[in-house]
Protein backbone atom coordinates (compact mmCIF):
# COMPACT_ATOMS: atom_id res chain seq x y z
CA MET A 1 44.07 20.43 -17.73
CA ALA A 2 41.80 17.26 -18.71
CA LEU A 3 38.78 17.66 -16.17
CA PHE A 4 39.09 21.75 -17.39
CA VAL A 5 38.39 20.34 -20.99
CA ILE A 6 35.86 17.94 -20.06
CA ALA A 7 34.19 20.60 -17.82
CA SER A 8 33.99 23.16 -19.86
CA CYS A 9 32.28 20.75 -22.64
CA GLN A 10 29.68 20.01 -19.85
CA LEU A 11 29.06 23.63 -19.41
CA MET A 12 28.29 24.34 -23.02
CA VAL A 13 25.82 21.61 -23.34
CA VAL A 14 24.09 22.14 -20.30
CA LEU A 15 23.67 25.72 -20.09
CA ASP A 16 22.78 26.06 -23.96
CA ILE A 17 19.21 24.44 -22.10
CA THR A 18 18.72 27.81 -20.46
CA ILE A 19 20.83 30.18 -22.32
CA VAL A 20 17.82 30.88 -25.18
CA ASN A 21 15.20 30.99 -22.51
CA ILE A 22 15.55 35.17 -21.89
CA ALA A 23 16.31 35.26 -25.91
CA LEU A 24 12.43 34.06 -26.66
CA PRO A 25 10.91 36.97 -27.31
CA GLN A 26 13.30 38.46 -29.21
CA ILE A 27 13.59 35.00 -31.58
CA GLN A 28 9.72 35.35 -31.79
CA SER A 29 9.71 38.77 -33.58
CA SER A 30 12.48 38.01 -35.54
CA LEU A 31 11.33 34.92 -36.92
CA ASP A 32 7.64 35.13 -36.70
CA PHE A 33 6.86 31.90 -34.46
CA SER A 34 3.41 31.52 -32.73
CA THR A 35 3.54 31.55 -28.85
CA THR A 36 2.90 27.71 -29.24
CA ASN A 37 5.30 27.01 -31.71
CA LEU A 38 8.04 29.12 -29.72
CA SER A 39 8.18 26.37 -26.67
CA TRP A 40 9.75 24.33 -29.06
CA VAL A 41 13.03 26.09 -29.50
CA VAL A 42 13.38 24.75 -25.96
CA ASN A 43 11.77 21.37 -26.35
CA ALA A 44 13.50 20.63 -30.02
CA TYR A 45 16.94 20.64 -28.10
CA THR A 46 15.75 19.31 -24.68
CA LEU A 47 13.99 15.98 -26.31
CA THR A 48 16.47 14.99 -28.86
CA PHE A 49 19.65 15.72 -26.21
CA GLY A 50 17.55 13.74 -23.61
CA GLY A 51 16.63 10.72 -26.05
CA LEU A 52 19.69 10.35 -27.77
CA LEU A 53 21.78 10.25 -24.88
CA LEU A 54 22.11 6.41 -24.15
CA LEU A 55 23.11 5.98 -27.85
CA GLY A 56 25.50 8.66 -27.42
CA GLY A 57 26.89 6.90 -24.44
CA ARG A 58 27.03 3.30 -25.97
CA ALA A 59 28.94 5.07 -29.17
CA GLY A 60 31.89 6.05 -26.97
CA ASP A 61 31.81 2.55 -25.52
CA ILE A 62 32.24 1.06 -28.96
CA LEU A 63 34.16 3.46 -31.01
CA GLY A 64 36.51 5.17 -28.41
CA ARG A 65 35.51 7.98 -25.89
CA ARG A 66 37.80 10.72 -27.37
CA ARG A 67 37.08 10.15 -30.68
CA VAL A 68 33.47 10.20 -30.15
CA PHE A 69 33.86 13.12 -27.61
CA ILE A 70 35.50 15.26 -30.53
CA PHE A 71 32.90 14.52 -32.89
CA GLY A 72 30.06 15.31 -30.42
CA VAL A 73 31.46 18.60 -29.67
CA LEU A 74 31.82 19.75 -33.66
CA LEU A 75 28.54 18.56 -34.21
CA PHE A 76 27.19 20.68 -31.66
CA VAL A 77 29.28 23.63 -33.06
CA PHE A 78 28.13 23.13 -36.87
CA ALA A 79 24.72 22.96 -35.10
CA SER A 80 25.08 26.53 -33.41
CA LEU A 81 26.34 27.97 -36.30
CA LEU A 82 23.38 26.95 -38.06
CA GLY A 83 21.07 27.81 -35.63
CA GLY A 84 22.77 31.64 -35.56
CA LEU A 85 22.70 32.00 -39.46
CA ALA A 86 18.78 30.86 -39.46
CA GLN A 87 16.41 33.07 -41.44
CA ASN A 88 13.13 31.13 -40.80
CA SER A 89 11.59 29.08 -37.57
CA GLY A 90 11.90 25.73 -39.33
CA GLN A 91 15.58 26.43 -39.97
CA LEU A 92 16.19 27.15 -36.24
CA LEU A 93 14.11 24.27 -34.84
CA ALA A 94 16.32 21.91 -37.43
CA ALA A 95 19.40 23.58 -35.80
CA ARG A 96 18.32 23.11 -32.11
CA ALA A 97 17.22 19.44 -32.62
CA LEU A 98 21.13 19.02 -34.61
CA GLN A 99 22.31 20.65 -31.10
CA GLY A 100 20.66 18.19 -29.07
CA VAL A 101 22.27 14.99 -31.51
CA GLY A 102 25.46 16.53 -30.84
CA GLY A 103 25.02 17.11 -27.12
CA ALA A 104 23.73 13.79 -26.79
CA ILE A 105 27.16 12.28 -28.42
CA ALA A 106 29.37 14.56 -26.24
CA SER A 107 27.90 14.82 -22.73
CA PRO A 108 27.61 11.10 -21.76
CA THR A 109 31.10 10.08 -23.33
CA SER A 110 32.77 13.24 -21.01
CA LEU A 111 31.21 11.92 -17.73
CA ALA A 112 32.59 8.63 -18.85
CA LEU A 113 36.11 9.95 -19.29
CA ILE A 114 36.07 11.01 -15.89
CA SER A 115 35.90 7.30 -14.82
CA THR A 116 38.35 6.50 -17.22
CA THR A 117 40.81 9.60 -16.65
CA PHE A 118 40.84 9.94 -12.77
CA LYS A 119 41.47 7.14 -10.50
CA GLU A 120 39.08 5.93 -7.96
CA GLY A 121 39.32 7.47 -4.69
CA PRO A 122 39.40 11.17 -3.56
CA GLU A 123 40.97 11.88 -7.10
CA ARG A 124 37.95 11.03 -9.04
CA ASN A 125 35.68 12.27 -6.19
CA ARG A 126 36.96 16.06 -6.06
CA ALA A 127 36.58 15.34 -10.28
CA PHE A 128 33.15 14.29 -9.95
CA GLY A 129 32.37 17.33 -7.85
CA VAL A 130 33.40 19.46 -10.45
CA PHE A 131 31.52 18.02 -13.41
CA ALA A 132 28.03 18.04 -10.68
CA ALA A 133 28.76 21.44 -10.12
CA VAL A 134 28.86 22.22 -13.38
CA SER A 135 26.00 20.22 -14.57
CA ALA A 136 23.93 21.81 -11.77
CA GLY A 137 24.94 25.29 -12.31
CA GLY A 138 25.29 25.63 -16.12
CA SER A 139 21.33 26.06 -16.18
CA ALA A 140 21.88 29.62 -13.71
CA ILE A 141 24.85 30.32 -15.76
CA GLY A 142 23.06 29.91 -19.33
CA LEU A 143 20.37 32.47 -18.07
CA LEU A 144 23.31 34.96 -17.27
CA ALA A 145 24.93 34.46 -20.36
CA GLY A 146 21.84 34.87 -22.30
CA GLY A 147 21.36 38.00 -20.39
CA ILE A 148 24.02 39.71 -21.22
CA LEU A 149 24.27 38.33 -25.33
CA VAL A 150 20.83 39.42 -25.55
CA GLU A 151 20.91 42.74 -24.13
CA TRP A 152 24.40 43.79 -25.65
CA LEU A 153 24.84 42.06 -29.20
CA ASP A 154 21.83 39.99 -30.59
CA TRP A 155 19.56 36.83 -29.52
CA ARG A 156 21.86 35.08 -32.27
CA TRP A 157 24.85 35.31 -29.86
CA VAL A 158 23.56 32.95 -27.79
CA LEU A 159 23.85 30.23 -30.28
CA PHE A 160 27.17 31.61 -31.96
CA VAL A 161 28.85 31.98 -28.79
CA ASN A 162 29.06 28.07 -28.85
CA VAL A 163 31.39 28.30 -31.78
CA PRO A 164 34.71 29.31 -30.23
CA ILE A 165 34.18 27.59 -27.05
CA GLY A 166 34.16 24.37 -28.75
CA LEU A 167 36.44 24.83 -31.22
CA LEU A 168 39.02 25.26 -28.45
CA ILE A 169 37.47 22.36 -26.88
CA VAL A 170 38.35 20.27 -29.95
CA LEU A 171 42.04 21.39 -30.28
CA ALA A 172 42.52 20.90 -26.44
CA THR A 173 41.34 17.56 -26.41
CA PRO A 174 44.07 15.42 -28.05
CA LYS A 175 47.12 17.02 -26.13
CA TRP A 176 45.35 16.62 -22.49
CA ILE A 177 42.97 13.45 -22.83
CA LYS A 178 44.08 10.04 -23.76
CA GLU A 179 41.76 7.30 -25.77
CA SER A 180 39.82 5.36 -24.05
CA GLU A 181 39.95 1.17 -24.75
CA ARG A 182 37.32 0.39 -27.85
CA HIS A 183 34.89 -2.50 -26.79
CA PRO A 184 33.65 -4.12 -30.04
CA GLY A 185 29.35 -3.93 -29.93
CA ASN A 186 26.47 -2.84 -32.37
CA PHE A 187 24.37 0.09 -32.00
CA ASP A 188 20.71 -0.29 -30.73
CA VAL A 189 19.23 2.13 -33.28
CA ALA A 190 15.70 0.74 -32.66
CA GLY A 191 16.15 1.31 -28.88
CA ALA A 192 17.32 4.92 -29.50
CA LEU A 193 14.34 5.67 -31.98
CA THR A 194 11.56 3.99 -29.73
CA SER A 195 12.76 5.94 -26.44
CA THR A 196 13.18 9.20 -28.11
CA LEU A 197 9.63 9.08 -29.75
CA GLY A 198 8.15 7.73 -26.86
CA MET A 199 9.40 10.66 -24.75
CA VAL A 200 8.44 13.12 -27.25
CA LEU A 201 4.75 12.28 -27.79
CA LEU A 202 4.59 12.18 -23.67
CA VAL A 203 5.80 15.66 -23.21
CA TYR A 204 3.69 16.74 -26.18
CA GLY A 205 0.72 15.24 -24.37
CA PHE A 206 1.14 17.19 -21.17
CA ILE A 207 1.99 20.33 -22.76
CA ARG A 208 -1.39 19.95 -25.15
CA ALA A 209 -3.40 19.23 -22.00
CA SER A 210 -2.31 22.50 -20.24
CA ASP A 211 -3.77 24.35 -23.45
CA GLU A 212 -6.70 21.64 -24.73
CA GLY A 213 -7.48 19.72 -21.67
CA TRP A 214 -7.10 16.14 -20.87
CA SER A 215 -10.50 15.22 -22.93
CA ASP A 216 -8.82 16.33 -26.36
CA PRO A 217 -8.60 13.66 -28.67
CA LEU A 218 -5.02 14.40 -29.82
CA THR A 219 -3.59 14.60 -26.24
CA LEU A 220 -5.24 11.18 -25.11
CA ALA A 221 -3.73 9.95 -28.70
CA SER A 222 -0.35 11.24 -27.45
CA PHE A 223 -0.40 9.70 -24.17
CA GLY A 224 -1.54 6.46 -25.77
CA GLY A 225 1.09 6.35 -28.46
CA ALA A 226 3.67 6.98 -25.67
CA VAL A 227 2.63 4.16 -23.77
CA LEU A 228 2.69 1.54 -26.70
CA ILE A 229 5.72 2.89 -28.22
CA LEU A 230 7.63 3.12 -24.50
CA ALA A 231 6.47 -0.36 -23.94
CA THR A 232 7.81 -1.45 -27.03
CA PHE A 233 10.99 0.23 -26.15
CA VAL A 234 10.87 -1.90 -23.34
CA PHE A 235 10.61 -5.20 -25.38
CA VAL A 236 13.45 -3.93 -27.71
CA GLU A 237 15.72 -3.42 -24.76
CA ARG A 238 14.70 -7.06 -23.34
CA ARG A 239 15.79 -8.93 -26.71
CA SER A 240 18.75 -7.04 -27.71
CA LYS A 241 21.93 -8.53 -27.43
CA GLN A 242 23.66 -4.90 -26.88
CA PRO A 243 20.96 -2.54 -25.71
CA ILE A 244 21.57 1.04 -25.21
CA THR A 245 19.65 0.76 -21.80
CA PRO A 246 20.95 -2.72 -20.11
CA LEU A 247 17.97 -3.32 -18.04
CA HIS A 248 20.07 -5.56 -15.65
CA MET A 249 21.33 -2.15 -14.19
CA PHE A 250 18.12 -1.57 -12.75
CA ALA A 251 18.25 -4.60 -10.56
CA ASP A 252 20.54 -2.67 -8.58
CA ARG A 253 18.51 -0.78 -6.13
CA ASN A 254 21.06 1.70 -5.23
CA ARG A 255 21.22 2.23 -8.69
CA ALA A 256 17.83 2.35 -9.90
CA GLY A 257 16.88 4.40 -6.69
CA THR A 258 19.60 7.21 -8.12
CA TYR A 259 17.67 7.11 -11.65
CA ALA A 260 14.24 7.38 -9.81
CA ILE A 261 15.95 10.44 -7.56
CA MET A 262 17.64 12.26 -10.73
CA LEU A 263 14.59 12.27 -12.46
CA CYS A 264 12.56 13.82 -9.57
CA LEU A 265 15.16 16.80 -9.02
CA ALA A 266 15.42 17.17 -12.65
CA ALA A 267 11.72 17.45 -13.07
CA ALA A 268 12.17 20.28 -9.70
CA MET A 269 15.41 22.07 -11.24
CA PHE A 270 13.97 22.55 -14.60
CA GLY A 271 10.70 24.34 -13.36
CA MET A 272 12.51 26.46 -10.96
CA PHE A 273 14.61 27.97 -13.36
CA PHE A 274 11.34 28.27 -15.88
CA PHE A 275 8.89 30.10 -13.67
CA LEU A 276 11.21 32.28 -11.84
CA THR A 277 12.39 33.61 -14.90
CA LEU A 278 8.82 34.36 -16.07
CA PHE A 279 8.02 35.83 -12.36
CA VAL A 280 11.36 38.03 -12.28
CA GLN A 281 10.72 39.68 -15.77
CA ASN A 282 6.82 39.73 -15.76
CA VAL A 283 6.43 40.53 -12.13
CA LEU A 284 9.65 42.10 -10.83
CA ASP A 285 10.33 43.98 -14.04
CA PHE A 286 13.44 42.74 -14.46
CA SER A 287 15.66 43.35 -17.59
CA PRO A 288 17.25 40.36 -19.19
CA LEU A 289 20.72 41.21 -18.11
CA LYS A 290 19.14 41.66 -14.24
CA ALA A 291 17.08 38.79 -14.41
CA GLY A 292 20.34 36.72 -15.62
CA LEU A 293 22.50 38.52 -12.74
CA ALA A 294 19.42 37.36 -10.61
CA PHE A 295 20.26 33.62 -10.76
CA LEU A 296 23.94 34.23 -10.23
CA PRO A 297 24.02 33.41 -6.57
CA VAL A 298 22.31 29.94 -7.32
CA SER A 299 25.44 28.96 -9.07
CA ALA A 300 27.61 29.89 -6.42
CA ILE A 301 25.50 27.70 -4.05
CA ILE A 302 25.29 24.90 -5.88
CA ALA A 303 29.42 24.82 -6.11
CA ILE A 304 29.39 25.09 -2.42
CA GLY A 305 27.16 22.29 -1.90
CA ALA A 306 28.87 19.85 -4.26
CA GLY A 307 32.19 20.44 -2.64
CA ILE A 308 30.80 19.81 0.90
CA ALA A 309 29.31 16.64 -0.43
CA SER A 310 32.44 15.72 -2.34
CA GLN A 311 35.04 16.30 0.69
CA PHE A 312 32.75 14.71 3.31
CA LEU A 313 31.68 11.51 1.14
CA PRO A 314 34.71 9.30 1.99
CA LYS A 315 33.83 9.57 5.57
CA TYR A 316 29.66 9.34 5.60
CA GLY A 317 29.27 8.01 2.28
CA PRO A 318 26.65 9.45 -0.06
CA LYS A 319 22.99 8.88 1.68
CA PRO A 320 23.03 11.43 3.93
CA PHE A 321 23.58 14.13 1.77
CA MET A 322 21.03 12.30 -1.29
CA VAL A 323 18.55 12.81 1.99
CA THR A 324 19.74 16.31 3.22
CA GLY A 325 19.89 17.49 -0.23
CA GLY A 326 16.56 16.57 -1.34
CA LEU A 327 15.21 18.03 2.13
CA LEU A 328 16.72 21.07 1.72
CA ALA A 329 15.60 21.80 -2.05
CA ALA A 330 12.00 20.97 -0.65
CA ALA A 331 12.12 23.47 1.67
CA GLY A 332 13.47 26.02 -0.59
CA LEU A 333 10.56 25.33 -3.15
CA ALA A 334 8.05 25.19 -0.70
CA TRP A 335 9.49 28.76 0.69
CA LEU A 336 8.76 30.33 -3.08
CA THR A 337 5.41 29.17 -3.14
CA LEU A 338 4.47 31.84 -0.59
CA THR A 339 5.93 34.33 -3.53
CA ASP A 340 2.88 37.07 -4.28
CA VAL A 341 2.73 40.32 -6.47
CA HIS A 342 4.23 42.11 -3.51
CA SER A 343 7.44 40.13 -3.06
CA THR A 344 10.44 41.24 -3.89
CA TYR A 345 13.62 39.73 -5.14
CA LEU A 346 15.69 39.97 -1.44
CA GLY A 347 12.70 38.97 0.57
CA SER A 348 11.25 36.71 -1.40
CA VAL A 349 13.26 35.23 -4.06
CA LEU A 350 16.92 34.85 -3.10
CA GLY A 351 16.51 32.80 0.22
CA PRO A 352 14.64 30.10 -1.17
CA MET A 353 17.04 29.95 -4.25
CA LEU A 354 19.98 29.79 -1.55
CA VAL A 355 18.33 26.49 0.32
CA PHE A 356 17.13 24.86 -3.16
CA GLY A 357 20.90 25.19 -4.94
CA LEU A 358 22.73 24.16 -1.45
CA GLY A 359 20.30 21.11 -1.74
CA MET A 360 21.01 20.34 -5.22
CA GLY A 361 24.51 20.70 -5.36
CA MET A 362 24.88 18.15 -2.69
CA GLU A 363 22.63 15.82 -4.46
CA PHE A 364 24.29 15.74 -7.80
CA VAL A 365 27.84 14.48 -6.72
CA SER A 366 26.58 11.92 -4.68
CA LEU A 367 23.92 11.04 -7.50
CA THR A 368 26.85 10.95 -9.88
CA LEU A 369 29.10 8.75 -7.89
CA MET A 370 26.07 6.35 -6.83
CA ALA A 371 25.11 5.86 -10.24
CA LEU A 372 28.75 4.51 -11.54
CA SER A 373 29.47 2.37 -8.41
CA ASN A 374 30.44 -1.02 -9.34
CA VAL A 375 29.49 -0.50 -13.07
CA PRO A 376 32.17 -2.66 -15.10
CA VAL A 377 34.26 -0.35 -17.26
CA HIS A 378 32.78 -1.29 -20.73
CA GLU A 379 29.51 -0.33 -19.62
CA THR A 380 30.40 3.13 -18.02
CA GLY A 381 29.44 5.09 -21.20
CA ALA A 382 25.80 3.30 -20.90
CA ALA A 383 25.52 4.16 -17.27
CA SER A 384 26.62 7.86 -17.63
CA GLY A 385 24.64 8.13 -20.57
CA LEU A 386 21.45 6.83 -18.52
CA LEU A 387 22.04 8.97 -15.68
CA ASN A 388 22.16 12.35 -18.16
CA ALA A 389 19.23 10.81 -20.04
CA THR A 390 17.44 10.47 -16.59
CA GLN A 391 18.31 14.28 -15.87
CA GLN A 392 16.81 15.67 -19.34
CA VAL A 393 13.93 13.39 -19.94
CA GLY A 394 13.02 14.12 -15.95
CA GLY A 395 13.30 18.08 -16.77
CA SER A 396 11.57 18.29 -20.00
CA LEU A 397 8.34 15.93 -18.49
CA GLY A 398 8.29 17.34 -15.09
CA LEU A 399 8.34 20.91 -16.52
CA SER A 400 5.72 19.77 -19.07
CA ILE A 401 3.54 18.67 -15.97
CA LEU A 402 4.47 22.14 -14.09
CA VAL A 403 3.35 23.84 -16.80
CA THR A 404 -0.12 22.06 -17.11
CA MET A 405 -0.87 22.65 -13.30
CA PHE A 406 0.57 26.48 -13.89
CA GLY A 407 -2.31 26.61 -16.43
CA THR A 408 -5.10 25.12 -14.66
CA ALA A 409 -4.37 27.13 -11.64
CA SER A 410 -3.73 30.50 -13.68
CA ALA A 411 -7.03 30.05 -15.64
CA ASN A 412 -8.78 29.78 -12.36
CA GLU A 413 -7.17 32.71 -11.07
CA ALA A 414 -8.14 34.62 -14.34
CA GLU A 415 -12.05 33.86 -13.78
CA LYS A 416 -11.59 35.88 -10.58
CA GLN A 417 -9.44 38.77 -12.18
CA VAL A 418 -11.47 39.12 -15.55
CA PRO A 419 -14.68 40.76 -13.70
CA ALA A 420 -12.44 42.99 -11.33
CA PHE A 421 -10.60 43.89 -14.59
CA LEU A 422 -13.66 44.86 -16.43
CA SER A 423 -15.19 46.72 -13.19
CA GLN A 424 -12.58 49.26 -13.08
CA ALA A 425 -10.92 49.25 -17.45
CA SER A 426 -11.61 52.15 -19.10
CA PRO A 427 -13.25 51.51 -22.73
CA ALA A 428 -9.94 51.75 -24.77
CA GLU A 429 -8.40 49.16 -22.29
CA ARG A 430 -12.04 46.77 -22.68
CA LEU A 431 -11.60 47.05 -26.39
CA ARG A 432 -7.69 45.73 -26.24
CA PHE A 433 -8.59 43.14 -24.03
CA GLN A 434 -11.22 41.80 -26.41
CA ARG A 435 -8.79 42.18 -29.16
CA THR A 436 -5.86 40.16 -27.51
CA GLY A 437 -7.41 38.67 -24.59
CA GLU A 438 -4.61 39.09 -22.20
CA LEU A 439 -4.84 40.99 -19.13
CA PRO A 440 -2.50 44.04 -18.28
CA PRO A 441 -1.15 44.65 -14.91
CA PRO A 442 -1.57 44.21 -12.00
CA TRP A 443 -4.34 41.69 -13.00
CA ALA A 444 -1.74 39.97 -15.50
CA ASP A 445 0.75 39.64 -11.99
CA GLN A 446 -1.83 37.97 -10.14
CA VAL A 447 -2.75 35.66 -12.48
CA LEU A 448 0.86 34.57 -13.50
CA THR A 449 2.04 34.50 -9.45
CA SER A 450 -1.22 32.08 -9.13
CA GLY A 451 -0.07 29.92 -11.53
CA VAL A 452 3.81 29.82 -10.41
CA SER A 453 2.70 29.21 -6.59
CA ALA A 454 0.66 26.09 -7.75
CA ALA A 455 3.92 24.91 -10.12
CA PHE A 456 5.97 25.15 -7.27
CA ILE A 457 3.81 23.19 -4.83
CA VAL A 458 4.33 20.33 -7.48
CA ALA A 459 7.91 20.92 -7.83
CA ALA A 460 8.24 20.54 -4.02
CA ILE A 461 6.31 17.16 -3.93
CA PHE A 462 8.75 15.99 -6.56
CA THR A 463 12.09 17.08 -4.40
CA ALA A 464 10.32 15.70 -1.15
CA VAL A 465 9.71 12.12 -3.12
CA ALA A 466 13.55 12.20 -4.16
CA ALA A 467 14.39 12.52 -0.20
CA LEU A 468 12.09 9.89 0.22
CA VAL A 469 13.45 7.34 -2.24
CA ALA A 470 17.13 8.13 -0.74
CA LEU A 471 16.03 7.17 2.88
CA LEU A 472 14.26 3.95 2.02
CA VAL A 473 15.92 2.88 -1.17
CA ILE A 474 19.47 3.60 -1.03
CA GLN A 475 21.81 1.22 0.87
CA VAL A 476 25.42 2.18 1.27
CA ARG A 477 28.13 -0.46 1.56
CA PRO A 478 31.00 -0.49 3.72
CA SER A 479 32.46 -1.63 0.43
CA ASP A 480 31.56 1.71 -1.30
CA ILE A 481 32.84 3.49 1.45
CA GLU A 482 36.39 1.87 0.88
CA ARG A 483 36.16 2.61 -2.73
CA LEU A 484 35.43 6.29 -1.81
CA LYS A 485 38.47 6.70 0.51
CA GLY A 486 40.65 5.33 -2.35
CA GLY A 487 40.85 1.55 -1.50
CA VAL A 488 39.87 -1.26 -3.32
CA GLY A 489 36.45 -2.90 -2.20
CA PRO A 490 34.92 -6.22 -3.32
CA GLY A 491 33.38 -5.57 -6.70
CA ALA A 492 35.22 -2.59 -7.49
CA VAL A 493 35.75 -1.50 -11.40
């Protein structure tokens, strides 16, 4: 029951990243968003979530993890209610940012609670396997849930649905989860603010570059500001007595390699869901519900991959699953680059998704165990927060890079398709194109598919790099294998 409560919270927080994707057209028409500003419905959540995860993990160490966990869930529920009731774009964006704050408090604390609730060895391995499957599969479940709620109810229910779920989690937590020991300390607010602001500027720079080009003054200013503020973040962390990001954690090659792998994999995963959602709805003409159902097999195969890894980790260690998982994910994404306007779901989409999902399931449980290996009890919150932050920041940053590649490839393809369209268009179609600047199908499908294929090429490179890092950097010691079997190796927590 403790694991069920913890996993339920993680599922609620993770799926909220994607549950609104399918509802974006309805949100745009309801609250009069411009197309450019609409992207911030997603970004306002992921950036505050990823940027404040480190502070959230530290809060659990200092104040008690169960107490902080409950507060984070309550804040998430309150923000979800506000978002569902929003009457204009500003109110919704403020609520989404507040949701990110609540998620940043609850998510790293829930991972740390696994470390303190379950004994090291097979019991904790199984718990991490469930947690990893939920974390990796939440995006696909969010797409399905979003499709159901939008088609059957209203876009506001993608936010309202969190209220009863969150309240049930809050009521169940005191009964099934024990409070952890508190470790007195200070909050590194300066570190949290500089890390969050630096990543916001970096992501904004990539997104703006896709629209305005790399020589745009505001694009260059965003990148320059990001470099300056992130350098300030490193300076603050080096001087802080109790930093939210203990830099000595990166001195361990396994942990540093784990964070690098997570950064690459999250970038690829966010991109896969984002661009396939566009493809199945715009090119394959799936309804919101059908699009959500199309991603359901991914959740199942991720759970299978996580189960396989957690079952055999005590025998083989995490490295083989890190390497194999990265290669499988790269193969799936490389396969997706072959999609075109004549592709079908069963013939061109389902197979690559299953290969990708199997690899990601293997990866996430192995990365979770490796990231918390040899971490002192009083720093498990910071370590888990850093792993989660790497996932969210990597996803936001990676998606912005992939969107830039998508925009460049789409623009190049549009230069080919516009003359072809004009040569066949009726006067009414020409007039509509002059007014909107948007090509109709099938020319628009060609442009979209070209951009999506280019994005998948870059995403495949990300996962191949992850596999290479796992092969060259990760070193599993005999003591690590001993702990996975339930024994006590040197340096065990």
